[in-house]
Amino acid sequence: MKFVHLHVHSNYSLLQGAFTVEELVGAAARMGM
């Protein structure tokens, strides 16, 4: 995949996200994004 548009909320998004940036990057890498 050459381009993947992501819209996510991390633990830096006040009261909206539960994942850390590291977890999100790891998940995207495992999915080949």
C-alpha atoms as a PDB file:
ATOM      1  CA  MET A   1       0.000   0.000   0.000  1.00  0.00           C
ATOM      2  CA  LYS A   2       1.520   3.328  -1.025  1.00  0.00           C
ATOM      3  CA  PHE A   3      -0.759   5.604   0.991  1.00  0.00           C
ATOM      4  CA  VAL A   4      -2.859   4.993   4.066  1.00  0.00           C
ATOM      5  CA  HIS A   5      -4.938   7.794   5.556  1.00  0.00           C
ATOM      6  CA  LEU A   6      -5.182   7.296   9.301  1.00  0.00           C
ATOM      7  CA  HIS A   7      -7.385   9.119  11.771  1.00  0.00           C
ATOM      8  CA  VAL A   8      -6.782   7.892  15.287  1.00  0.00           C
ATOM      9  CA  HIS A   9      -6.992   9.055  18.863  1.00  0.00           C
ATOM     10  CA  SER A  10      -4.031   8.302  21.112  1.00  0.00           C
ATOM     11  CA  ASN A  11      -3.483   8.721  24.823  1.00  0.00           C
ATOM     12  CA  TYR A  12      -2.563  12.330  23.969  1.00  0.00           C
ATOM     13  CA  SER A  13      -6.176  12.963  22.856  1.00  0.00           C
ATOM     14  CA  LEU A  14      -7.765  14.105  26.088  1.00  0.00           C
ATOM     15  CA  LEU A  15     -10.463  11.636  27.212  1.00  0.00           C
ATOM     16  CA  GLN A  16     -10.731  10.082  23.734  1.00  0.00           C
ATOM     17  CA  GLY A  17      -7.883   7.636  23.189  1.00  0.00           C
ATOM     18  CA  ALA A  18      -6.583   4.617  25.059  1.00  0.00           C
ATOM     19  CA  PHE A  19      -3.571   3.606  22.950  1.00  0.00           C
ATOM     20  CA  THR A  20      -0.053   4.975  23.076  1.00  0.00           C
ATOM     21  CA  VAL A  21       1.587   6.250  19.917  1.00  0.00           C
ATOM     22  CA  GLU A  22       4.009   3.322  20.091  1.00  0.00           C
ATOM     23  CA  GLU A  23       1.122   0.818  20.173  1.00  0.00           C
ATOM     24  CA  LEU A  24      -0.558   2.502  17.210  1.00  0.00           C
ATOM     25  CA  VAL A  25       2.643   2.518  15.144  1.00  0.00           C
ATOM     26  CA  GLY A  26       3.279  -1.133  15.988  1.00  0.00           C
ATOM     27  CA  ALA A  27      -0.253  -2.125  14.984  1.00  0.00           C
ATOM     28  CA  ALA A  28       0.023  -0.227  11.692  1.00  0.00           C
ATOM     29  CA  ALA A  29       3.370  -1.893  10.945  1.00  0.00           C
ATOM     30  CA  ARG A  30       1.948  -5.366  11.646  1.00  0.00           C
ATOM     31  CA  MET A  31      -0.906  -4.652   9.214  1.00  0.00           C
ATOM     32  CA  GLY A  32       1.521  -3.488   6.538  1.00  0.00           C
ATOM     33  CA  MET A  33       0.398   0.133   6.589  1.00  0.00           C
END
